[in-house]
């Protein structure tokens, strides 16, 4: 499968409304996309490893506690809003760690954690394509190709 075929498959797939209690996502590797209500691709990502798509979508993008405090990962200017609205835990200031949520916070001025997750749950649906018979490097290259073909607004450029 190439990037164009994956993109066509993602767009044609039945969309899944994110729901933390009833959402069934496989623990297999693949490429996924979040769509807005007009079926436009807003974000593309890939997942591999033991938790696969489930780990990336449910445990990271939809988990309001998936946060980071590492200051070297914060980008002055881009992360200013989240940095002014950090979640303080044990004396450390946390912002979103998920690339999707971090970019939602940057573009829409959403606070980390609850606000970014709520935005995803309210405004997005997702679809995925399972790609088990390829290497991690092949998966990453396909993700880049799909991003290049679809230009999603919430993807980090130059990844």
C-alpha atoms as a PDB file:
ATOM      1  CA  UNK A   1       0.000   0.000   0.000  1.00  0.00           C
ATOM      2  CA  UNK A   2       1.295   3.487  -0.784  1.00  0.00           C
ATOM      3  CA  UNK A   3       0.400   6.840   0.783  1.00  0.00           C
ATOM      4  CA  UNK A   4      -2.241   7.689  -1.795  1.00  0.00           C
ATOM      5  CA  UNK A   5      -4.007   4.343  -1.282  1.00  0.00           C
ATOM      6  CA  UNK A   6      -3.896   4.796   2.501  1.00  0.00           C
ATOM      7  CA  UNK A   7      -5.334   8.300   2.163  1.00  0.00           C
ATOM      8  CA  UNK A   8      -8.181   7.020  -0.034  1.00  0.00           C
ATOM      9  CA  UNK A   9      -8.822   4.201   2.452  1.00  0.00           C
ATOM     10  CA  UNK A  10      -8.894   6.580   5.436  1.00  0.00           C
ATOM     11  CA  UNK A  11     -11.320   8.935   3.711  1.00  0.00           C
ATOM     12  CA  UNK A  12     -13.606   6.080   2.627  1.00  0.00           C
ATOM     13  CA  UNK A  13     -13.577   4.310   6.017  1.00  0.00           C
ATOM     14  CA  UNK A  14     -16.431   4.539   8.455  1.00  0.00           C
ATOM     15  CA  UNK A  15     -15.513   7.196  10.993  1.00  0.00           C
ATOM     16  CA  UNK A  16     -15.352   6.459  14.693  1.00  0.00           C
ATOM     17  CA  UNK A  17     -16.615   9.022  17.185  1.00  0.00           C
ATOM     18  CA  UNK A  18     -14.106   9.187  20.043  1.00  0.00           C
ATOM     19  CA  UNK A  19     -15.699   7.846  23.202  1.00  0.00           C
ATOM     20  CA  UNK A  20     -13.450   6.759  26.024  1.00  0.00           C
ATOM     21  CA  UNK A  21     -15.892   4.179  27.371  1.00  0.00           C
ATOM     22  CA  UNK A  22     -17.128   2.487  24.182  1.00  0.00           C
ATOM     23  CA  UNK A  23     -14.377   3.172  21.660  1.00  0.00           C
ATOM     24  CA  UNK A  24     -12.824  -0.003  20.272  1.00  0.00           C
ATOM     25  CA  UNK A  25      -9.388   0.536  18.754  1.00  0.00           C
ATOM     26  CA  UNK A  26      -7.022  -2.337  17.896  1.00  0.00           C
ATOM     27  CA  UNK A  27      -3.606  -2.780  19.453  1.00  0.00           C
ATOM     28  CA  UNK A  28      -2.015  -3.138  16.034  1.00  0.00           C
ATOM     29  CA  UNK A  29       0.270  -0.821  14.103  1.00  0.00           C
ATOM     30  CA  UNK A  30      -1.077   1.479  11.448  1.00  0.00           C
ATOM     31  CA  UNK A  31      -1.877   4.978  10.285  1.00  0.00           C
ATOM     32  CA  UNK A  32      -4.807   6.989  11.604  1.00  0.00           C
ATOM     33  CA  UNK A  33      -6.444  10.308  10.838  1.00  0.00           C
ATOM     34  CA  UNK A  34      -8.710  12.648  12.761  1.00  0.00           C
ATOM     35  CA  UNK A  35     -11.462  14.283  10.687  1.00  0.00           C
ATOM     36  CA  UNK A  36     -13.639  17.314  11.318  1.00  0.00           C
ATOM     37  CA  UNK A  37     -17.412  17.371  10.796  1.00  0.00           C
ATOM     38  CA  UNK A  38     -16.905  18.137   7.074  1.00  0.00           C
ATOM     39  CA  UNK A  39     -14.803  14.971   6.618  1.00  0.00           C
ATOM     40  CA  UNK A  40     -11.632  17.058   6.222  1.00  0.00           C
ATOM     41  CA  UNK A  41      -8.447  15.521   7.604  1.00  0.00           C
ATOM     42  CA  UNK A  42      -7.217  17.557  10.562  1.00  0.00           C
ATOM     43  CA  UNK A  43      -4.370  15.344  11.803  1.00  0.00           C
ATOM     44  CA  UNK A  44      -2.508  12.236  10.613  1.00  0.00           C
ATOM     45  CA  UNK A  45      -0.411   9.984  12.798  1.00  0.00           C
ATOM     46  CA  UNK A  46       1.011   6.498  12.975  1.00  0.00           C
ATOM     47  CA  UNK A  47       1.326   3.995  15.769  1.00  0.00           C
ATOM     48  CA  UNK A  48       3.460   0.930  16.416  1.00  0.00           C
ATOM     49  CA  UNK A  49       4.605  -1.125  19.370  1.00  0.00           C
ATOM     50  CA  UNK A  50       2.749  -3.245  21.883  1.00  0.00           C
ATOM     51  CA  UNK A  51      -0.196  -0.851  22.305  1.00  0.00           C
ATOM     52  CA  UNK A  52      -0.373   0.142  18.627  1.00  0.00           C
ATOM     53  CA  UNK A  53      -3.284   2.314  17.513  1.00  0.00           C
ATOM     54  CA  UNK A  54      -5.051   1.913  20.859  1.00  0.00           C
ATOM     55  CA  UNK A  55      -2.039   3.231  22.756  1.00  0.00           C
ATOM     56  CA  UNK A  56      -1.596   6.226  20.481  1.00  0.00           C
ATOM     57  CA  UNK A  57      -5.232   7.269  20.089  1.00  0.00           C
ATOM     58  CA  UNK A  58      -6.789   6.321  23.436  1.00  0.00           C
ATOM     59  CA  UNK A  59      -3.843   6.436  25.854  1.00  0.00           C
ATOM     60  CA  UNK A  60      -2.209   9.558  24.424  1.00  0.00           C
ATOM     61  CA  UNK A  61      -4.478  11.799  22.335  1.00  0.00           C
ATOM     62  CA  UNK A  62      -7.615  11.124  24.417  1.00  0.00           C
ATOM     63  CA  UNK A  63      -5.980  10.926  27.847  1.00  0.00           C
ATOM     64  CA  UNK A  64      -6.087  14.330  29.535  1.00  0.00           C
ATOM     65  CA  UNK A  65      -3.308  13.199  31.899  1.00  0.00           C
ATOM     66  CA  UNK A  66      -0.849  12.609  29.044  1.00  0.00           C
ATOM     67  CA  UNK A  67       1.247  15.688  29.835  1.00  0.00           C
ATOM     68  CA  UNK A  68       4.886  16.768  29.887  1.00  0.00           C
ATOM     69  CA  UNK A  69       6.905  19.156  31.997  1.00  0.00           C
ATOM     70  CA  UNK A  70      10.225  19.010  30.114  1.00  0.00           C
ATOM     71  CA  UNK A  71      11.005  22.647  29.426  1.00  0.00           C
ATOM     72  CA  UNK A  72      13.341  21.786  26.551  1.00  0.00           C
ATOM     73  CA  UNK A  73      10.307  20.436  24.661  1.00  0.00           C
ATOM     74  CA  UNK A  74       8.356  23.694  25.055  1.00  0.00           C
ATOM     75  CA  UNK A  75       8.653  26.164  22.200  1.00  0.00           C
ATOM     76  CA  UNK A  76       8.667  29.803  23.259  1.00  0.00           C
ATOM     77  CA  UNK A  77       6.037  31.699  21.313  1.00  0.00           C
ATOM     78  CA  UNK A  78       4.193  28.615  20.092  1.00  0.00           C
ATOM     79  CA  UNK A  79       3.517  27.163  23.549  1.00  0.00           C
ATOM     80  CA  UNK A  80       2.997  30.468  25.369  1.00  0.00           C
ATOM     81  CA  UNK A  81      -0.748  30.003  25.915  1.00  0.00           C
ATOM     82  CA  UNK A  82      -0.372  26.522  27.391  1.00  0.00           C
ATOM     83  CA  UNK A  83       2.633  27.663  29.417  1.00  0.00           C
ATOM     84  CA  UNK A  84       0.496  30.437  30.937  1.00  0.00           C
ATOM     85  CA  UNK A  85      -2.192  27.837  31.741  1.00  0.00           C
ATOM     86  CA  UNK A  86      -0.111  24.901  32.943  1.00  0.00           C
ATOM     87  CA  UNK A  87      -1.336  22.060  35.097  1.00  0.00           C
ATOM     88  CA  UNK A  88       0.719  22.090  38.275  1.00  0.00           C
ATOM     89  CA  UNK A  89       1.550  18.693  39.767  1.00  0.00           C
ATOM     90  CA  UNK A  90       4.125  18.215  42.506  1.00  0.00           C
ATOM     91  CA  UNK A  91       5.593  21.658  41.868  1.00  0.00           C
ATOM     92  CA  UNK A  92       6.099  21.039  38.134  1.00  0.00           C
ATOM     93  CA  UNK A  93       4.214  22.816  35.360  1.00  0.00           C
ATOM     94  CA  UNK A  94       2.768  20.504  32.715  1.00  0.00           C
ATOM     95  CA  UNK A  95       1.409  21.093  29.213  1.00  0.00           C
ATOM     96  CA  UNK A  96       0.024  18.680  26.611  1.00  0.00           C
ATOM     97  CA  UNK A  97       2.442  16.033  25.358  1.00  0.00           C
ATOM     98  CA  UNK A  98       0.332  14.726  22.463  1.00  0.00           C
ATOM     99  CA  UNK A  99       1.380  16.508  19.246  1.00  0.00           C
ATOM    100  CA  UNK A 100      -2.268  16.792  18.184  1.00  0.00           C
ATOM    101  CA  UNK A 101      -3.346  18.300  21.503  1.00  0.00           C
ATOM    102  CA  UNK A 102      -0.304  20.570  21.692  1.00  0.00           C
ATOM    103  CA  UNK A 103      -1.128  21.977  18.247  1.00  0.00           C
ATOM    104  CA  UNK A 104      -4.801  22.395  19.170  1.00  0.00           C
ATOM    105  CA  UNK A 105      -3.652  24.396  22.194  1.00  0.00           C
ATOM    106  CA  UNK A 106      -1.322  26.484  20.041  1.00  0.00           C
ATOM    107  CA  UNK A 107      -3.803  27.278  17.285  1.00  0.00           C
ATOM    108  CA  UNK A 108      -7.051  27.518  19.273  1.00  0.00           C
ATOM    109  CA  UNK A 109      -5.650  28.756  22.606  1.00  0.00           C
ATOM    110  CA  UNK A 110      -6.945  25.740  24.510  1.00  0.00           C
ATOM    111  CA  UNK A 111      -5.665  24.876  27.964  1.00  0.00           C
ATOM    112  CA  UNK A 112      -3.764  21.591  28.355  1.00  0.00           C
ATOM    113  CA  UNK A 113      -5.510  18.428  29.485  1.00  0.00           C
ATOM    114  CA  UNK A 114      -9.277  18.638  29.771  1.00  0.00           C
ATOM    115  CA  UNK A 115      -9.848  21.434  27.220  1.00  0.00           C
ATOM    116  CA  UNK A 116      -7.836  19.877  24.397  1.00  0.00           C
ATOM    117  CA  UNK A 117      -9.296  16.400  24.970  1.00  0.00           C
ATOM    118  CA  UNK A 118     -12.830  17.833  25.156  1.00  0.00           C
ATOM    119  CA  UNK A 119     -12.256  19.609  21.855  1.00  0.00           C
ATOM    120  CA  UNK A 120     -11.247  16.334  20.183  1.00  0.00           C
ATOM    121  CA  UNK A 121     -14.197  14.440  21.672  1.00  0.00           C
ATOM    122  CA  UNK A 122     -16.652  17.134  20.552  1.00  0.00           C
ATOM    123  CA  UNK A 123     -15.319  18.055  17.124  1.00  0.00           C
ATOM    124  CA  UNK A 124     -13.457  15.092  15.627  1.00  0.00           C
ATOM    125  CA  UNK A 125     -13.955  11.560  14.404  1.00  0.00           C
ATOM    126  CA  UNK A 126     -11.170   9.223  13.366  1.00  0.00           C
ATOM    127  CA  UNK A 127     -10.377   6.335  11.056  1.00  0.00           C
ATOM    128  CA  UNK A 128      -7.386   4.034  10.791  1.00  0.00           C
ATOM    129  CA  UNK A 129      -5.682   1.592   8.464  1.00  0.00           C
ATOM    130  CA  UNK A 130      -3.904  -1.396   9.992  1.00  0.00           C
ATOM    131  CA  UNK A 131      -0.462  -2.005   8.477  1.00  0.00           C
ATOM    132  CA  UNK A 132       1.100  -4.972  10.253  1.00  0.00           C
ATOM    133  CA  UNK A 133       3.429  -6.362   7.624  1.00  0.00           C
ATOM    134  CA  UNK A 134       5.796  -3.396   7.343  1.00  0.00           C
ATOM    135  CA  UNK A 135       8.682  -2.044   9.406  1.00  0.00           C
ATOM    136  CA  UNK A 136       8.514   0.987  11.676  1.00  0.00           C
ATOM    137  CA  UNK A 137      10.620   2.968   9.182  1.00  0.00           C
ATOM    138  CA  UNK A 138       8.243   2.066   6.340  1.00  0.00           C
ATOM    139  CA  UNK A 139       5.312   3.096   8.530  1.00  0.00           C
ATOM    140  CA  UNK A 140       6.935   6.465   9.321  1.00  0.00           C
ATOM    141  CA  UNK A 141       7.631   7.074   5.627  1.00  0.00           C
ATOM    142  CA  UNK A 142       4.012   6.266   4.734  1.00  0.00           C
ATOM    143  CA  UNK A 143       2.819   8.643   7.462  1.00  0.00           C
ATOM    144  CA  UNK A 144       4.971  11.433   5.965  1.00  0.00           C
ATOM    145  CA  UNK A 145       3.553  10.672   2.524  1.00  0.00           C
ATOM    146  CA  UNK A 146      -0.058  10.825   3.766  1.00  0.00           C
ATOM    147  CA  UNK A 147       0.682  14.097   5.595  1.00  0.00           C
ATOM    148  CA  UNK A 148       2.246  15.527   2.442  1.00  0.00           C
ATOM    149  CA  UNK A 149      -0.780  14.520   0.353  1.00  0.00           C
ATOM    150  CA  UNK A 150      -3.400  15.802   2.809  1.00  0.00           C
ATOM    151  CA  UNK A 151      -1.711  18.809   4.518  1.00  0.00           C
ATOM    152  CA  UNK A 152      -3.607  18.499   7.833  1.00  0.00           C
ATOM    153  CA  UNK A 153      -3.749  21.737   9.799  1.00  0.00           C
ATOM    154  CA  UNK A 154      -2.796  20.193  13.142  1.00  0.00           C
ATOM    155  CA  UNK A 155       0.288  18.230  12.037  1.00  0.00           C
ATOM    156  CA  UNK A 156       3.713  19.546  12.999  1.00  0.00           C
ATOM    157  CA  UNK A 157       5.525  20.573   9.832  1.00  0.00           C
ATOM    158  CA  UNK A 158       8.842  18.966   8.941  1.00  0.00           C
ATOM    159  CA  UNK A 159       8.317  15.859  11.013  1.00  0.00           C
END
